[in-house]
Amino acid sequence: RAAAALARSEADRFTLRNPSKPRFV
């Protein structure tokens, strides 16, 4: 759960910067 949450927070941060290039975990 911690591993996924850690990656999730970083992926979402980059998606917010550029929603046309969403990032996935």
mmCIF file of all heavy atoms, coordinates in Angstrom:
data_MODEL
# 
_entry.id   MODEL 
# 
loop_
_atom_site.group_PDB 
_atom_site.id 
_atom_site.type_symbol 
_atom_site.label_atom_id 
_atom_site.label_alt_id 
_atom_site.label_comp_id 
_atom_site.label_asym_id 
_atom_site.label_entity_id 
_atom_site.label_seq_id 
_atom_site.pdbx_PDB_ins_code 
_atom_site.Cartn_x 
_atom_site.Cartn_y 
_atom_site.Cartn_z 
_atom_site.occupancy 
_atom_site.B_iso_or_equiv 
_atom_site.pdbx_formal_charge 
_atom_site.auth_seq_id 
_atom_site.auth_comp_id 
_atom_site.auth_asym_id 
_atom_site.auth_atom_id 
_atom_site.pdbx_PDB_model_num 
ATOM 1   N N   . ARG A 1 1  ? 0.840  -1.204 0.000   1.00 0.00 ? 1  ARG A N   1 
ATOM 2   C CA  . ARG A 1 1  ? 0.000  0.000  0.000   1.00 0.00 ? 1  ARG A CA  1 
ATOM 3   C C   . ARG A 1 1  ? 0.871  1.248  0.000   1.00 0.00 ? 1  ARG A C   1 
ATOM 4   O O   . ARG A 1 1  ? 0.592  2.207  -0.736  1.00 0.00 ? 1  ARG A O   1 
ATOM 5   C CB  . ARG A 1 1  ? -0.932 -0.006 1.199   1.00 0.00 ? 1  ARG A CB  1 
ATOM 6   C CG  . ARG A 1 1  ? -1.860 1.205  1.230   1.00 0.00 ? 1  ARG A CG  1 
ATOM 7   C CD  . ARG A 1 1  ? -3.006 1.049  2.196   1.00 0.00 ? 1  ARG A CD  1 
ATOM 8   N NE  . ARG A 1 1  ? -3.886 2.196  2.121   1.00 0.00 ? 1  ARG A NE  1 
ATOM 9   C CZ  . ARG A 1 1  ? -5.127 2.212  2.586   1.00 0.00 ? 1  ARG A CZ  1 
ATOM 10  N NH1 . ARG A 1 1  ? -5.652 1.118  3.122   1.00 0.00 ? 1  ARG A NH1 1 
ATOM 11  N NH2 . ARG A 1 1  ? -5.867 3.300  2.489   1.00 0.00 ? 1  ARG A NH2 1 
ATOM 12  N N   . ALA A 1 2  ? 1.929  1.241  0.803   1.00 0.00 ? 2  ALA A N   1 
ATOM 13  C CA  . ALA A 1 2  ? 2.829  2.403  0.856   1.00 0.00 ? 2  ALA A CA  1 
ATOM 14  C C   . ALA A 1 2  ? 3.554  2.592  -0.472  1.00 0.00 ? 2  ALA A C   1 
ATOM 15  O O   . ALA A 1 2  ? 3.738  3.726  -0.941  1.00 0.00 ? 2  ALA A O   1 
ATOM 16  C CB  . ALA A 1 2  ? 3.839  2.227  1.991   1.00 0.00 ? 2  ALA A CB  1 
ATOM 17  N N   . ALA A 1 3  ? 3.964  1.491  -1.105  1.00 0.00 ? 3  ALA A N   1 
ATOM 18  C CA  . ALA A 1 3  ? 4.662  1.576  -2.386  1.00 0.00 ? 3  ALA A CA  1 
ATOM 19  C C   . ALA A 1 3  ? 3.775  2.201  -3.455  1.00 0.00 ? 3  ALA A C   1 
ATOM 20  O O   . ALA A 1 3  ? 4.215  3.066  -4.230  1.00 0.00 ? 3  ALA A O   1 
ATOM 21  C CB  . ALA A 1 3  ? 5.115  0.187  -2.827  1.00 0.00 ? 3  ALA A CB  1 
ATOM 22  N N   . ALA A 1 4  ? 2.514  1.769  -3.492  1.00 0.00 ? 4  ALA A N   1 
ATOM 23  C CA  . ALA A 1 4  ? 1.588  2.321  -4.481  1.00 0.00 ? 4  ALA A CA  1 
ATOM 24  C C   . ALA A 1 4  ? 1.263  3.782  -4.188  1.00 0.00 ? 4  ALA A C   1 
ATOM 25  O O   . ALA A 1 4  ? 1.193  4.606  -5.113  1.00 0.00 ? 4  ALA A O   1 
ATOM 26  C CB  . ALA A 1 4  ? 0.309  1.482  -4.519  1.00 0.00 ? 4  ALA A CB  1 
ATOM 27  N N   . ALA A 1 5  ? 1.069  4.114  -2.921  1.00 0.00 ? 5  ALA A N   1 
ATOM 28  C CA  . ALA A 1 5  ? 0.735  5.498  -2.551  1.00 0.00 ? 5  ALA A CA  1 
ATOM 29  C C   . ALA A 1 5  ? 1.876  6.449  -2.889  1.00 0.00 ? 5  ALA A C   1 
ATOM 30  O O   . ALA A 1 5  ? 1.650  7.585  -3.326  1.00 0.00 ? 5  ALA A O   1 
ATOM 31  C CB  . ALA A 1 5  ? 0.394  5.564  -1.070  1.00 0.00 ? 5  ALA A CB  1 
ATOM 32  N N   . LEU A 1 6  ? 3.096  5.978  -2.693  1.00 0.00 ? 6  LEU A N   1 
ATOM 33  C CA  . LEU A 1 6  ? 4.279  6.790  -2.993  1.00 0.00 ? 6  LEU A CA  1 
ATOM 34  C C   . LEU A 1 6  ? 4.351  7.091  -4.490  1.00 0.00 ? 6  LEU A C   1 
ATOM 35  O O   . LEU A 1 6  ? 4.543  8.246  -4.903  1.00 0.00 ? 6  LEU A O   1 
ATOM 36  C CB  . LEU A 1 6  ? 5.522  6.030  -2.539  1.00 0.00 ? 6  LEU A CB  1 
ATOM 37  C CG  . LEU A 1 6  ? 6.827  6.802  -2.343  1.00 0.00 ? 6  LEU A CG  1 
ATOM 38  C CD1 . LEU A 1 6  ? 6.672  7.871  -1.281  1.00 0.00 ? 6  LEU A CD1 1 
ATOM 39  C CD2 . LEU A 1 6  ? 7.928  5.826  -1.939  1.00 0.00 ? 6  LEU A CD2 1 
ATOM 40  N N   . ALA A 1 7  ? 4.198  6.064  -5.296  1.00 0.00 ? 7  ALA A N   1 
ATOM 41  C CA  . ALA A 1 7  ? 4.214  6.261  -6.743  1.00 0.00 ? 7  ALA A CA  1 
ATOM 42  C C   . ALA A 1 7  ? 3.013  7.083  -7.206  1.00 0.00 ? 7  ALA A C   1 
ATOM 43  O O   . ALA A 1 7  ? 3.129  7.933  -8.102  1.00 0.00 ? 7  ALA A O   1 
ATOM 44  C CB  . ALA A 1 7  ? 4.226  4.897  -7.444  1.00 0.00 ? 7  ALA A CB  1 
ATOM 45  N N   . ARG A 1 8  ? 1.873  6.845  -6.580  1.00 0.00 ? 8  ARG A N   1 
ATOM 46  C CA  . ARG A 1 8  ? 0.646  7.565  -6.946  1.00 0.00 ? 8  ARG A CA  1 
ATOM 47  C C   . ARG A 1 8  ? 0.808  9.073  -6.774  1.00 0.00 ? 8  ARG A C   1 
ATOM 48  O O   . ARG A 1 8  ? 0.414  9.859  -7.637  1.00 0.00 ? 8  ARG A O   1 
ATOM 49  C CB  . ARG A 1 8  ? -0.504 7.058  -6.069  1.00 0.00 ? 8  ARG A CB  1 
ATOM 50  C CG  . ARG A 1 8  ? -1.842 7.749  -6.221  1.00 0.00 ? 8  ARG A CG  1 
ATOM 51  C CD  . ARG A 1 8  ? -2.605 7.172  -7.381  1.00 0.00 ? 8  ARG A CD  1 
ATOM 52  N NE  . ARG A 1 8  ? -2.334 7.854  -8.626  1.00 0.00 ? 8  ARG A NE  1 
ATOM 53  C CZ  . ARG A 1 8  ? -2.418 7.283  -9.817  1.00 0.00 ? 8  ARG A CZ  1 
ATOM 54  N NH1 . ARG A 1 8  ? -2.730 6.011  -9.944  1.00 0.00 ? 8  ARG A NH1 1 
ATOM 55  N NH2 . ARG A 1 8  ? -2.160 7.972  -10.910 1.00 0.00 ? 8  ARG A NH2 1 
ATOM 56  N N   . SER A 1 9  ? 1.390  9.471  -5.640  1.00 0.00 ? 9  SER A N   1 
ATOM 57  C CA  . SER A 1 9  ? 1.529  10.906 -5.372  1.00 0.00 ? 9  SER A CA  1 
ATOM 58  C C   . SER A 1 9  ? 2.434  11.575 -6.397  1.00 0.00 ? 9  SER A C   1 
ATOM 59  O O   . SER A 1 9  ? 2.162  12.703 -6.843  1.00 0.00 ? 9  SER A O   1 
ATOM 60  C CB  . SER A 1 9  ? 2.057  11.138 -3.953  1.00 0.00 ? 9  SER A CB  1 
ATOM 61  O OG  . SER A 1 9  ? 3.369  10.624 -3.800  1.00 0.00 ? 9  SER A OG  1 
ATOM 62  N N   . GLU A 1 10 ? 3.497  10.884 -6.813  1.00 0.00 ? 10 GLU A N   1 
ATOM 63  C CA  . GLU A 1 10 ? 4.396  11.463 -7.814  1.00 0.00 ? 10 GLU A CA  1 
ATOM 64  C C   . GLU A 1 10 ? 3.740  11.491 -9.191  1.00 0.00 ? 10 GLU A C   1 
ATOM 65  O O   . GLU A 1 10 ? 3.860  12.465 -9.932  1.00 0.00 ? 10 GLU A O   1 
ATOM 66  C CB  . GLU A 1 10 ? 5.706  10.670 -7.863  1.00 0.00 ? 10 GLU A CB  1 
ATOM 67  C CG  . GLU A 1 10 ? 6.627  10.925 -6.693  1.00 0.00 ? 10 GLU A CG  1 
ATOM 68  C CD  . GLU A 1 10 ? 6.977  12.398 -6.561  1.00 0.00 ? 10 GLU A CD  1 
ATOM 69  O OE1 . GLU A 1 10 ? 7.641  12.944 -7.477  1.00 0.00 ? 10 GLU A OE1 1 
ATOM 70  O OE2 . GLU A 1 10 ? 6.583  13.013 -5.550  1.00 0.00 ? 10 GLU A OE2 1 
ATOM 71  N N   . ALA A 1 11 ? 3.051  10.399 -9.549  1.00 0.00 ? 11 ALA A N   1 
ATOM 72  C CA  . ALA A 1 11 ? 2.370  10.361 -10.845 1.00 0.00 ? 11 ALA A CA  1 
ATOM 73  C C   . ALA A 1 11 ? 1.323  11.464 -10.945 1.00 0.00 ? 11 ALA A C   1 
ATOM 74  O O   . ALA A 1 11 ? 1.219  12.160 -11.974 1.00 0.00 ? 11 ALA A O   1 
ATOM 75  C CB  . ALA A 1 11 ? 1.724  8.996  -11.059 1.00 0.00 ? 11 ALA A CB  1 
ATOM 76  N N   . ASP A 1 12 ? 0.543  11.651 -9.888  1.00 0.00 ? 12 ASP A N   1 
ATOM 77  C CA  . ASP A 1 12 ? -0.487 12.696 -9.902  1.00 0.00 ? 12 ASP A CA  1 
ATOM 78  C C   . ASP A 1 12 ? 0.118  14.086 -9.995  1.00 0.00 ? 12 ASP A C   1 
ATOM 79  O O   . ASP A 1 12 ? -0.444 14.977 -10.643 1.00 0.00 ? 12 ASP A O   1 
ATOM 80  C CB  . ASP A 1 12 ? -1.360 12.582 -8.655  1.00 0.00 ? 12 ASP A CB  1 
ATOM 81  C CG  . ASP A 1 12 ? -2.327 11.405 -8.715  1.00 0.00 ? 12 ASP A CG  1 
ATOM 82  O OD1 . ASP A 1 12 ? -2.438 10.781 -9.792  1.00 0.00 ? 12 ASP A OD1 1 
ATOM 83  O OD2 . ASP A 1 12 ? -2.973 11.105 -7.694  1.00 0.00 ? 12 ASP A OD2 1 
ATOM 84  N N   . ARG A 1 13 ? 1.247  14.271 -9.336  1.00 0.00 ? 13 ARG A N   1 
ATOM 85  C CA  . ARG A 1 13 ? 1.912  15.582 -9.383  1.00 0.00 ? 13 ARG A CA  1 
ATOM 86  C C   . ARG A 1 13 ? 2.303  15.932 -10.818 1.00 0.00 ? 13 ARG A C   1 
ATOM 87  O O   . ARG A 1 13 ? 2.113  17.068 -11.261 1.00 0.00 ? 13 ARG A O   1 
ATOM 88  C CB  . ARG A 1 13 ? 3.139  15.561 -8.461  1.00 0.00 ? 13 ARG A CB  1 
ATOM 89  C CG  . ARG A 1 13 ? 3.801  16.910 -8.257  1.00 0.00 ? 13 ARG A CG  1 
ATOM 90  C CD  . ARG A 1 13 ? 4.698  16.886 -7.033  1.00 0.00 ? 13 ARG A CD  1 
ATOM 91  N NE  . ARG A 1 13 ? 5.828  16.006 -7.182  1.00 0.00 ? 13 ARG A NE  1 
ATOM 92  C CZ  . ARG A 1 13 ? 6.990  16.368 -7.724  1.00 0.00 ? 13 ARG A CZ  1 
ATOM 93  N NH1 . ARG A 1 13 ? 7.159  17.594 -8.197  1.00 0.00 ? 13 ARG A NH1 1 
ATOM 94  N NH2 . ARG A 1 13 ? 7.990  15.513 -7.800  1.00 0.00 ? 13 ARG A NH2 1 
ATOM 95  N N   . PHE A 1 14 ? 2.813  14.971 -11.553 1.00 0.00 ? 14 PHE A N   1 
ATOM 96  C CA  . PHE A 1 14 ? 3.215  15.226 -12.934 1.00 0.00 ? 14 PHE A CA  1 
ATOM 97  C C   . PHE A 1 14 ? 2.007  15.350 -13.857 1.00 0.00 ? 14 PHE A C   1 
ATOM 98  O O   . PHE A 1 14 ? 2.032  16.127 -14.821 1.00 0.00 ? 14 PHE A O   1 
ATOM 99  C CB  . PHE A 1 14 ? 4.166  14.128 -13.419 1.00 0.00 ? 14 PHE A CB  1 
ATOM 100 C CG  . PHE A 1 14 ? 5.592  14.378 -13.066 1.00 0.00 ? 14 PHE A CG  1 
ATOM 101 C CD1 . PHE A 1 14 ? 6.053  14.187 -11.767 1.00 0.00 ? 14 PHE A CD1 1 
ATOM 102 C CD2 . PHE A 1 14 ? 6.498  14.844 -14.009 1.00 0.00 ? 14 PHE A CD2 1 
ATOM 103 C CE1 . PHE A 1 14 ? 7.375  14.424 -11.427 1.00 0.00 ? 14 PHE A CE1 1 
ATOM 104 C CE2 . PHE A 1 14 ? 7.817  15.085 -13.685 1.00 0.00 ? 14 PHE A CE2 1 
ATOM 105 C CZ  . PHE A 1 14 ? 8.262  14.891 -12.387 1.00 0.00 ? 14 PHE A CZ  1 
ATOM 106 N N   . THR A 1 15 ? 0.947  14.586 -13.573 1.00 0.00 ? 15 THR A N   1 
ATOM 107 C CA  . THR A 1 15 ? -0.269 14.708 -14.377 1.00 0.00 ? 15 THR A CA  1 
ATOM 108 C C   . THR A 1 15 ? -0.884 16.097 -14.228 1.00 0.00 ? 15 THR A C   1 
ATOM 109 O O   . THR A 1 15 ? -1.360 16.689 -15.210 1.00 0.00 ? 15 THR A O   1 
ATOM 110 C CB  . THR A 1 15 ? -1.292 13.630 -13.983 1.00 0.00 ? 15 THR A CB  1 
ATOM 111 O OG1 . THR A 1 15 ? -0.733 12.333 -14.217 1.00 0.00 ? 15 THR A OG1 1 
ATOM 112 C CG2 . THR A 1 15 ? -2.588 13.760 -14.785 1.00 0.00 ? 15 THR A CG2 1 
ATOM 113 N N   . LEU A 1 16 ? -0.888 16.635 -13.016 1.00 0.00 ? 16 LEU A N   1 
ATOM 114 C CA  . LEU A 1 16 ? -1.426 17.975 -12.789 1.00 0.00 ? 16 LEU A CA  1 
ATOM 115 C C   . LEU A 1 16 ? -0.637 19.033 -13.561 1.00 0.00 ? 16 LEU A C   1 
ATOM 116 O O   . LEU A 1 16 ? -1.206 20.028 -14.018 1.00 0.00 ? 16 LEU A O   1 
ATOM 117 C CB  . LEU A 1 16 ? -1.424 18.303 -11.296 1.00 0.00 ? 16 LEU A CB  1 
ATOM 118 C CG  . LEU A 1 16 ? -2.548 17.650 -10.470 1.00 0.00 ? 16 LEU A CG  1 
ATOM 119 C CD1 . LEU A 1 16 ? -2.287 17.841 -8.974  1.00 0.00 ? 16 LEU A CD1 1 
ATOM 120 C CD2 . LEU A 1 16 ? -3.905 18.238 -10.861 1.00 0.00 ? 16 LEU A CD2 1 
ATOM 121 N N   . ARG A 1 17 ? 0.645  18.807 -13.721 1.00 0.00 ? 17 ARG A N   1 
ATOM 122 C CA  . ARG A 1 17 ? 1.461  19.747 -14.488 1.00 0.00 ? 17 ARG A CA  1 
ATOM 123 C C   . ARG A 1 17 ? 1.080  19.738 -15.966 1.00 0.00 ? 17 ARG A C   1 
ATOM 124 O O   . ARG A 1 17 ? 1.119  20.770 -16.630 1.00 0.00 ? 17 ARG A O   1 
ATOM 125 C CB  . ARG A 1 17 ? 2.951  19.378 -14.376 1.00 0.00 ? 17 ARG A CB  1 
ATOM 126 C CG  . ARG A 1 17 ? 3.577  19.636 -13.029 1.00 0.00 ? 17 ARG A CG  1 
ATOM 127 C CD  . ARG A 1 17 ? 5.064  19.285 -13.147 1.00 0.00 ? 17 ARG A CD  1 
ATOM 128 N NE  . ARG A 1 17 ? 5.750  19.355 -11.869 1.00 0.00 ? 17 ARG A NE  1 
ATOM 129 C CZ  . ARG A 1 17 ? 7.032  19.044 -11.717 1.00 0.00 ? 17 ARG A CZ  1 
ATOM 130 N NH1 . ARG A 1 17 ? 7.742  18.620 -12.764 1.00 0.00 ? 17 ARG A NH1 1 
ATOM 131 N NH2 . ARG A 1 17 ? 7.602  19.135 -10.529 1.00 0.00 ? 17 ARG A NH2 1 
ATOM 132 N N   . ASN A 1 18 ? 0.730  18.554 -16.470 1.00 0.00 ? 18 ASN A N   1 
ATOM 133 C CA  . ASN A 1 18 ? 0.415  18.418 -17.887 1.00 0.00 ? 18 ASN A CA  1 
ATOM 134 C C   . ASN A 1 18 ? -0.675 17.359 -18.063 1.00 0.00 ? 18 ASN A C   1 
ATOM 135 O O   . ASN A 1 18 ? -0.383 16.196 -18.351 1.00 0.00 ? 18 ASN A O   1 
ATOM 136 C CB  . ASN A 1 18 ? 1.664  18.041 -18.683 1.00 0.00 ? 18 ASN A CB  1 
ATOM 137 C CG  . ASN A 1 18 ? 1.392  17.934 -20.175 1.00 0.00 ? 18 ASN A CG  1 
ATOM 138 O OD1 . ASN A 1 18 ? 0.316  18.286 -20.644 1.00 0.00 ? 18 ASN A OD1 1 
ATOM 139 N ND2 . ASN A 1 18 ? 2.358  17.425 -20.932 1.00 0.00 ? 18 ASN A ND2 1 
ATOM 140 N N   . PRO A 1 19 ? -1.950 17.746 -17.898 1.00 0.00 ? 19 PRO A N   1 
ATOM 141 C CA  . PRO A 1 19 ? -3.042 16.767 -17.988 1.00 0.00 ? 19 PRO A CA  1 
ATOM 142 C C   . PRO A 1 19 ? -3.158 16.096 -19.361 1.00 0.00 ? 19 PRO A C   1 
ATOM 143 O O   . PRO A 1 19 ? -3.810 15.050 -19.473 1.00 0.00 ? 19 PRO A O   1 
ATOM 144 C CB  . PRO A 1 19 ? -4.287 17.610 -17.692 1.00 0.00 ? 19 PRO A CB  1 
ATOM 145 C CG  . PRO A 1 19 ? -3.782 18.783 -16.916 1.00 0.00 ? 19 PRO A CG  1 
ATOM 146 C CD  . PRO A 1 19 ? -2.429 19.079 -17.486 1.00 0.00 ? 19 PRO A CD  1 
ATOM 147 N N   . SER A 1 20 ? -2.547 16.650 -20.393 1.00 0.00 ? 20 SER A N   1 
ATOM 148 C CA  . SER A 1 20 ? -2.600 16.004 -21.704 1.00 0.00 ? 20 SER A CA  1 
ATOM 149 C C   . SER A 1 20 ? -1.678 14.788 -21.773 1.00 0.00 ? 20 SER A C   1 
ATOM 150 O O   . SER A 1 20 ? -1.733 14.021 -22.733 1.00 0.00 ? 20 SER A O   1 
ATOM 151 C CB  . SER A 1 20 ? -2.219 17.003 -22.798 1.00 0.00 ? 20 SER A CB  1 
ATOM 152 O OG  . SER A 1 20 ? -0.856 17.382 -22.676 1.00 0.00 ? 20 SER A OG  1 
ATOM 153 N N   . LYS A 1 21 ? -0.817 14.640 -20.767 1.00 0.00 ? 21 LYS A N   1 
ATOM 154 C CA  . LYS A 1 21 ? 0.068  13.471 -20.685 1.00 0.00 ? 21 LYS A CA  1 
ATOM 155 C C   . LYS A 1 21 ? -0.108 12.835 -19.299 1.00 0.00 ? 21 LYS A C   1 
ATOM 156 O O   . LYS A 1 21 ? 0.746  12.969 -18.420 1.00 0.00 ? 21 LYS A O   1 
ATOM 157 C CB  . LYS A 1 21 ? 1.528  13.883 -20.902 1.00 0.00 ? 21 LYS A CB  1 
ATOM 158 C CG  . LYS A 1 21 ? 2.534  12.725 -20.907 1.00 0.00 ? 21 LYS A CG  1 
ATOM 159 C CD  . LYS A 1 21 ? 3.956  13.252 -21.120 1.00 0.00 ? 21 LYS A CD  1 
ATOM 160 C CE  . LYS A 1 21 ? 5.013  12.188 -20.884 1.00 0.00 ? 21 LYS A CE  1 
ATOM 161 N NZ  . LYS A 1 21 ? 4.955  11.094 -21.862 1.00 0.00 ? 21 LYS A NZ  1 
ATOM 162 N N   . PRO A 1 22 ? -1.227 12.145 -19.093 1.00 0.00 ? 22 PRO A N   1 
ATOM 163 C CA  . PRO A 1 22 ? -1.465 11.538 -17.775 1.00 0.00 ? 22 PRO A CA  1 
ATOM 164 C C   . PRO A 1 22 ? -0.443 10.446 -17.474 1.00 0.00 ? 22 PRO A C   1 
ATOM 165 O O   . PRO A 1 22 ? 0.013  9.744  -18.372 1.00 0.00 ? 22 PRO A O   1 
ATOM 166 C CB  . PRO A 1 22 ? -2.875 10.965 -17.894 1.00 0.00 ? 22 PRO A CB  1 
ATOM 167 C CG  . PRO A 1 22 ? -3.088 10.769 -19.356 1.00 0.00 ? 22 PRO A CG  1 
ATOM 168 C CD  . PRO A 1 22 ? -2.318 11.860 -20.035 1.00 0.00 ? 22 PRO A CD  1 
ATOM 169 N N   . ARG A 1 23 ? -0.096 10.322 -16.198 1.00 0.00 ? 23 ARG A N   1 
ATOM 170 C CA  . ARG A 1 23 ? 0.867  9.314  -15.758 1.00 0.00 ? 23 ARG A CA  1 
ATOM 171 C C   . ARG A 1 23 ? 0.136  8.239  -14.953 1.00 0.00 ? 23 ARG A C   1 
ATOM 172 O O   . ARG A 1 23 ? -0.793 8.539  -14.199 1.00 0.00 ? 23 ARG A O   1 
ATOM 173 C CB  . ARG A 1 23 ? 1.967  9.950  -14.912 1.00 0.00 ? 23 ARG A CB  1 
ATOM 174 C CG  . ARG A 1 23 ? 2.587  11.224 -15.500 1.00 0.00 ? 23 ARG A CG  1 
ATOM 175 C CD  . ARG A 1 23 ? 3.212  11.015 -16.882 1.00 0.00 ? 23 ARG A CD  1 
ATOM 176 N NE  . ARG A 1 23 ? 3.776  12.261 -17.386 1.00 0.00 ? 23 ARG A NE  1 
ATOM 177 C CZ  . ARG A 1 23 ? 5.051  12.599 -17.312 1.00 0.00 ? 23 ARG A CZ  1 
ATOM 178 N NH1 . ARG A 1 23 ? 5.918  11.769 -16.762 1.00 0.00 ? 23 ARG A NH1 1 
ATOM 179 N NH2 . ARG A 1 23 ? 5.466  13.747 -17.811 1.00 0.00 ? 23 ARG A NH2 1 
ATOM 180 N N   . PHE A 1 24 ? 0.605  7.018  -15.071 1.00 0.00 ? 24 PHE A N   1 
ATOM 181 C CA  . PHE A 1 24 ? -0.065 5.877  -14.451 1.00 0.00 ? 24 PHE A CA  1 
ATOM 182 C C   . PHE A 1 24 ? 0.893  5.113  -13.537 1.00 0.00 ? 24 PHE A C   1 
ATOM 183 O O   . PHE A 1 24 ? 2.109  5.171  -13.707 1.00 0.00 ? 24 PHE A O   1 
ATOM 184 C CB  . PHE A 1 24 ? -0.606 4.941  -15.531 1.00 0.00 ? 24 PHE A CB  1 
ATOM 185 C CG  . PHE A 1 24 ? -1.606 5.596  -16.453 1.00 0.00 ? 24 PHE A CG  1 
ATOM 186 C CD1 . PHE A 1 24 ? -1.196 6.134  -17.670 1.00 0.00 ? 24 PHE A CD1 1 
ATOM 187 C CD2 . PHE A 1 24 ? -2.944 5.686  -16.099 1.00 0.00 ? 24 PHE A CD2 1 
ATOM 188 C CE1 . PHE A 1 24 ? -2.112 6.746  -18.521 1.00 0.00 ? 24 PHE A CE1 1 
ATOM 189 C CE2 . PHE A 1 24 ? -3.860 6.291  -16.936 1.00 0.00 ? 24 PHE A CE2 1 
ATOM 190 C CZ  . PHE A 1 24 ? -3.444 6.823  -18.146 1.00 0.00 ? 24 PHE A CZ  1 
ATOM 191 N N   . VAL A 1 25 ? 0.294  4.377  -12.597 1.00 0.00 ? 25 VAL A N   1 
ATOM 192 C CA  . VAL A 1 25 ? 1.067  3.577  -11.640 1.00 0.00 ? 25 VAL A CA  1 
ATOM 193 C C   . VAL A 1 25 ? 0.786  2.103  -11.879 1.00 0.00 ? 25 VAL A C   1 
ATOM 194 O O   . VAL A 1 25 ? -0.374 1.666  -11.873 1.00 0.00 ? 25 VAL A O   1 
ATOM 195 C CB  . VAL A 1 25 ? 0.714  3.949  -10.185 1.00 0.00 ? 25 VAL A CB  1 
ATOM 196 C CG1 . VAL A 1 25 ? 1.410  3.000  -9.206  1.00 0.00 ? 25 VAL A CG1 1 
ATOM 197 C CG2 . VAL A 1 25 ? 1.101  5.391  -9.898  1.00 0.00 ? 25 VAL A CG2 1 
# 
